[in-house]
């Protein structure tokens, strides 16, 4: 990939992120981003929780960007598995959804 392609993709991703942080689930995203590594590690002792945490943030960002219904967001989180549901439960505004 050349530098121009990289810059184009980066601009697109930054625009998507801005839409997510301005979307319906912006508070939930902020809550997830505010969790400490210790809080996440309290769920499982291995690094799998960090990978799932990253996936959860991606799901909530995309749900916010496209204004996904809460019921659909709940389904997407549950599809990530029990660890994702537990992480979501640490954020009060997400806990109310899952």
N, C-alpha and C. Protein backbone atom coordinates (compact mmCIF):
# COMPACT_ATOMS: atom_id res chain seq x y z
N UNK A 1 0.85 -1.17 0.00
CA UNK A 1 0.00 0.00 0.00
C UNK A 1 0.90 1.24 0.00
N UNK A 2 0.58 2.17 -0.87
CA UNK A 2 1.38 3.39 -0.90
C UNK A 2 0.86 4.39 0.13
N UNK A 3 1.59 5.44 0.33
CA UNK A 3 1.28 6.42 1.37
C UNK A 3 -0.04 7.14 1.09
N UNK A 4 -0.36 7.39 -0.15
CA UNK A 4 -1.61 8.07 -0.48
C UNK A 4 -2.82 7.19 -0.14
N UNK A 5 -2.71 5.91 -0.42
CA UNK A 5 -3.78 4.97 -0.07
C UNK A 5 -3.94 4.91 1.44
N UNK A 6 -2.83 4.87 2.15
CA UNK A 6 -2.85 4.86 3.61
C UNK A 6 -3.56 6.11 4.13
N UNK A 7 -3.21 7.27 3.61
CA UNK A 7 -3.82 8.52 4.05
C UNK A 7 -5.31 8.55 3.76
N UNK A 8 -5.70 8.04 2.58
CA UNK A 8 -7.12 8.01 2.22
C UNK A 8 -7.89 7.13 3.21
N UNK A 9 -7.37 5.95 3.50
CA UNK A 9 -8.03 5.05 4.44
C UNK A 9 -8.10 5.65 5.84
N UNK A 10 -7.05 6.33 6.23
CA UNK A 10 -7.01 6.96 7.54
C UNK A 10 -8.07 8.06 7.64
N UNK A 11 -8.20 8.88 6.59
CA UNK A 11 -9.23 9.92 6.58
C UNK A 11 -10.63 9.31 6.70
N UNK A 12 -10.87 8.23 5.98
CA UNK A 12 -12.17 7.56 6.03
C UNK A 12 -12.45 7.03 7.44
N UNK A 13 -11.46 6.40 8.03
CA UNK A 13 -11.63 5.84 9.37
C UNK A 13 -11.87 6.95 10.39
N UNK A 14 -11.17 8.06 10.25
CA UNK A 14 -11.36 9.18 11.18
C UNK A 14 -12.75 9.77 11.04
N UNK A 15 -13.27 9.83 9.84
CA UNK A 15 -14.63 10.33 9.63
C UNK A 15 -15.65 9.38 10.26
N UNK A 16 -15.43 8.08 10.11
CA UNK A 16 -16.31 7.09 10.74
C UNK A 16 -16.28 7.22 12.25
N UNK A 17 -15.09 7.38 12.82
CA UNK A 17 -14.96 7.52 14.27
C UNK A 17 -15.68 8.77 14.76
N UNK A 18 -15.57 9.86 14.04
CA UNK A 18 -16.26 11.09 14.43
C UNK A 18 -17.77 10.85 14.44
N UNK A 19 -18.28 10.17 13.41
CA UNK A 19 -19.71 9.86 13.36
C UNK A 19 -20.12 9.01 14.56
N UNK A 20 -19.29 8.05 14.93
CA UNK A 20 -19.60 7.17 16.05
C UNK A 20 -19.66 7.97 17.35
N UNK A 21 -18.69 8.85 17.56
CA UNK A 21 -18.65 9.62 18.80
C UNK A 21 -19.74 10.69 18.85
N UNK A 22 -20.36 10.97 17.73
CA UNK A 22 -21.46 11.92 17.70
C UNK A 22 -22.81 11.20 17.66
N UNK A 23 -22.79 9.87 17.59
CA UNK A 23 -24.01 9.08 17.43
C UNK A 23 -24.74 8.81 18.73
N UNK A 24 -25.76 8.00 18.62
CA UNK A 24 -26.68 7.71 19.71
C UNK A 24 -26.01 7.01 20.90
N UNK A 25 -24.94 6.27 20.68
CA UNK A 25 -24.28 5.53 21.76
C UNK A 25 -22.96 6.17 22.19
N UNK A 26 -22.85 7.49 22.03
CA UNK A 26 -21.60 8.17 22.39
C UNK A 26 -21.27 8.01 23.87
N UNK A 27 -22.28 8.03 24.74
CA UNK A 27 -22.02 7.86 26.17
C UNK A 27 -21.51 6.45 26.48
N UNK A 28 -22.06 5.47 25.79
CA UNK A 28 -21.61 4.10 25.99
C UNK A 28 -20.17 3.92 25.51
N UNK A 29 -19.83 4.55 24.40
CA UNK A 29 -18.45 4.48 23.89
C UNK A 29 -17.51 5.12 24.91
N UNK A 30 -17.88 6.28 25.40
CA UNK A 30 -17.04 6.96 26.39
C UNK A 30 -16.88 6.12 27.65
N UNK A 31 -17.95 5.46 28.06
CA UNK A 31 -17.88 4.59 29.23
C UNK A 31 -16.94 3.42 29.02
N UNK A 32 -17.03 2.80 27.84
CA UNK A 32 -16.12 1.69 27.53
C UNK A 32 -14.68 2.15 27.48
N UNK A 33 -14.45 3.28 26.84
CA UNK A 33 -13.09 3.79 26.71
C UNK A 33 -12.50 4.17 28.06
N UNK A 34 -13.37 4.45 29.04
CA UNK A 34 -12.91 4.84 30.35
C UNK A 34 -12.58 3.68 31.28
N UNK A 35 -12.87 2.45 30.85
CA UNK A 35 -12.55 1.30 31.69
C UNK A 35 -11.04 1.12 31.77
N UNK A 36 -10.58 0.77 32.95
CA UNK A 36 -9.14 0.54 33.12
C UNK A 36 -8.79 -0.90 32.74
N UNK A 37 -7.53 -1.13 32.50
CA UNK A 37 -7.06 -2.49 32.20
C UNK A 37 -7.36 -3.41 33.39
N UNK A 38 -7.25 -2.90 34.59
CA UNK A 38 -7.55 -3.69 35.79
C UNK A 38 -9.01 -4.12 35.80
N UNK A 39 -9.91 -3.20 35.44
CA UNK A 39 -11.33 -3.54 35.39
C UNK A 39 -11.60 -4.63 34.35
N UNK A 40 -10.94 -4.52 33.22
CA UNK A 40 -11.13 -5.51 32.16
C UNK A 40 -10.51 -6.84 32.57
N UNK A 41 -9.32 -6.79 33.14
CA UNK A 41 -8.63 -8.01 33.57
C UNK A 41 -9.35 -8.73 34.69
N UNK A 42 -10.21 -8.04 35.42
CA UNK A 42 -10.95 -8.69 36.50
C UNK A 42 -11.96 -9.70 35.97
N UNK A 43 -12.24 -9.64 34.68
CA UNK A 43 -13.21 -10.57 34.08
C UNK A 43 -12.55 -11.89 33.74
N UNK A 44 -11.41 -11.84 33.07
CA UNK A 44 -10.64 -13.05 32.78
C UNK A 44 -9.16 -12.71 32.94
N UNK A 45 -8.38 -13.65 33.40
CA UNK A 45 -6.97 -13.36 33.65
C UNK A 45 -6.08 -13.36 32.40
N UNK A 46 -6.59 -13.83 31.27
CA UNK A 46 -5.75 -13.90 30.07
C UNK A 46 -5.96 -12.68 29.19
N UNK A 47 -5.31 -12.65 28.05
CA UNK A 47 -5.42 -11.49 27.16
C UNK A 47 -6.63 -11.56 26.24
N UNK A 48 -7.38 -12.64 26.28
CA UNK A 48 -8.56 -12.74 25.42
C UNK A 48 -9.55 -11.63 25.72
N UNK A 49 -9.62 -11.21 26.98
CA UNK A 49 -10.56 -10.17 27.33
C UNK A 49 -10.23 -8.85 26.64
N UNK A 50 -8.96 -8.56 26.42
CA UNK A 50 -8.59 -7.33 25.73
C UNK A 50 -9.00 -7.36 24.27
N UNK A 51 -8.88 -8.52 23.65
CA UNK A 51 -9.32 -8.67 22.26
C UNK A 51 -10.84 -8.48 22.17
N UNK A 52 -11.56 -9.08 23.09
CA UNK A 52 -13.02 -8.96 23.09
C UNK A 52 -13.43 -7.53 23.42
N UNK A 53 -12.69 -6.90 24.34
CA UNK A 53 -12.94 -5.50 24.67
C UNK A 53 -12.81 -4.64 23.42
N UNK A 54 -11.78 -4.86 22.64
CA UNK A 54 -11.58 -4.11 21.40
C UNK A 54 -12.73 -4.37 20.42
N UNK A 55 -13.17 -5.63 20.31
CA UNK A 55 -14.29 -5.97 19.44
C UNK A 55 -15.57 -5.29 19.92
N UNK A 56 -15.76 -5.26 21.23
CA UNK A 56 -16.95 -4.63 21.81
C UNK A 56 -16.97 -3.14 21.48
N UNK A 57 -15.84 -2.48 21.63
CA UNK A 57 -15.77 -1.06 21.28
C UNK A 57 -16.12 -0.86 19.80
N UNK A 58 -15.60 -1.72 18.95
CA UNK A 58 -15.89 -1.62 17.52
C UNK A 58 -17.38 -1.77 17.25
N UNK A 59 -18.01 -2.75 17.90
CA UNK A 59 -19.45 -2.99 17.72
C UNK A 59 -20.25 -1.77 18.18
N UNK A 60 -19.92 -1.23 19.34
CA UNK A 60 -20.68 -0.09 19.86
C UNK A 60 -20.44 1.16 19.01
N UNK A 61 -19.21 1.35 18.55
CA UNK A 61 -18.94 2.49 17.66
C UNK A 61 -19.76 2.39 16.38
N UNK A 62 -19.76 1.22 15.78
CA UNK A 62 -20.51 1.06 14.53
C UNK A 62 -22.01 1.21 14.78
N UNK A 63 -22.50 0.67 15.89
CA UNK A 63 -23.92 0.81 16.23
C UNK A 63 -24.28 2.29 16.41
N UNK A 64 -23.38 3.03 17.01
CA UNK A 64 -23.61 4.46 17.20
C UNK A 64 -23.60 5.19 15.87
N UNK A 65 -22.65 4.84 15.04
CA UNK A 65 -22.50 5.50 13.74
C UNK A 65 -23.74 5.32 12.87
N UNK A 66 -24.36 4.13 12.92
CA UNK A 66 -25.52 3.85 12.06
C UNK A 66 -26.85 3.94 12.81
N UNK A 67 -26.79 4.40 14.08
CA UNK A 67 -28.00 4.52 14.90
C UNK A 67 -28.77 3.21 15.00
N UNK A 68 -28.06 2.14 15.31
CA UNK A 68 -28.66 0.82 15.46
C UNK A 68 -29.61 0.80 16.66
N UNK A 69 -30.71 0.10 16.54
CA UNK A 69 -31.66 -0.01 17.65
C UNK A 69 -31.01 -0.73 18.83
N UNK A 70 -31.46 -0.39 20.05
CA UNK A 70 -30.89 -1.01 21.25
C UNK A 70 -31.01 -2.53 21.23
N UNK A 71 -32.14 -3.04 20.77
CA UNK A 71 -32.33 -4.49 20.74
C UNK A 71 -31.30 -5.14 19.82
N UNK A 72 -31.01 -4.49 18.71
CA UNK A 72 -30.02 -5.03 17.78
C UNK A 72 -28.61 -4.91 18.36
N UNK A 73 -28.33 -3.82 19.06
CA UNK A 73 -27.02 -3.68 19.71
C UNK A 73 -26.85 -4.78 20.76
N UNK A 74 -27.88 -5.03 21.52
CA UNK A 74 -27.83 -6.10 22.53
C UNK A 74 -27.48 -7.44 21.86
N UNK A 75 -28.13 -7.74 20.75
CA UNK A 75 -27.85 -8.99 20.02
C UNK A 75 -26.41 -9.04 19.56
N UNK A 76 -25.89 -7.92 19.03
CA UNK A 76 -24.50 -7.90 18.55
C UNK A 76 -23.52 -8.13 19.70
N UNK A 77 -23.81 -7.54 20.85
CA UNK A 77 -22.94 -7.72 22.01
C UNK A 77 -23.01 -9.17 22.48
N UNK A 78 -24.20 -9.73 22.55
CA UNK A 78 -24.34 -11.12 22.98
C UNK A 78 -23.64 -12.08 22.04
N UNK A 79 -23.61 -11.74 20.76
CA UNK A 79 -22.91 -12.58 19.78
C UNK A 79 -21.41 -12.64 20.06
N UNK A 80 -20.86 -11.61 20.70
CA UNK A 80 -19.45 -11.59 21.05
C UNK A 80 -19.15 -12.54 22.21
N UNK A 81 -20.17 -12.92 22.96
CA UNK A 81 -19.99 -13.90 24.03
C UNK A 81 -20.09 -13.33 25.44
N UNK A 82 -19.94 -14.23 26.39
CA UNK A 82 -20.12 -13.91 27.81
C UNK A 82 -19.15 -12.84 28.30
N UNK A 83 -17.90 -12.90 27.85
CA UNK A 83 -16.92 -11.91 28.30
C UNK A 83 -17.34 -10.51 27.85
N UNK A 84 -17.82 -10.37 26.64
CA UNK A 84 -18.26 -9.07 26.13
C UNK A 84 -19.45 -8.55 26.94
N UNK A 85 -20.36 -9.44 27.27
CA UNK A 85 -21.51 -9.04 28.08
C UNK A 85 -21.06 -8.57 29.46
N UNK A 86 -20.08 -9.27 30.05
CA UNK A 86 -19.57 -8.87 31.36
C UNK A 86 -18.86 -7.52 31.28
N UNK A 87 -18.09 -7.31 30.23
CA UNK A 87 -17.42 -6.02 30.07
C UNK A 87 -18.46 -4.92 29.90
N UNK A 88 -19.45 -5.15 29.06
CA UNK A 88 -20.52 -4.17 28.84
C UNK A 88 -21.23 -3.86 30.16
N UNK A 89 -21.36 -4.88 31.00
CA UNK A 89 -22.02 -4.69 32.28
C UNK A 89 -21.28 -3.77 33.22
N UNK A 90 -20.03 -3.50 32.97
CA UNK A 90 -19.23 -2.59 33.80
C UNK A 90 -19.51 -1.13 33.47
N UNK A 91 -20.22 -0.89 32.37
CA UNK A 91 -20.59 0.46 31.97
C UNK A 91 -22.10 0.60 32.21
N UNK A 92 -22.50 1.39 33.20
CA UNK A 92 -23.93 1.46 33.54
C UNK A 92 -24.87 1.69 32.37
N UNK A 93 -24.51 2.57 31.44
CA UNK A 93 -25.40 2.84 30.31
C UNK A 93 -25.49 1.65 29.35
N UNK A 94 -24.45 0.82 29.29
CA UNK A 94 -24.52 -0.42 28.48
C UNK A 94 -25.18 -1.54 29.28
N UNK A 95 -24.94 -1.58 30.58
CA UNK A 95 -25.55 -2.60 31.42
C UNK A 95 -27.07 -2.55 31.30
N UNK A 96 -27.61 -1.36 31.13
CA UNK A 96 -29.05 -1.21 30.97
C UNK A 96 -29.56 -1.81 29.67
N UNK A 97 -28.67 -1.95 28.69
CA UNK A 97 -29.04 -2.51 27.39
C UNK A 97 -28.90 -4.03 27.38
N UNK A 98 -27.80 -4.52 27.96
CA UNK A 98 -27.57 -5.97 27.95
C UNK A 98 -28.12 -6.58 29.22
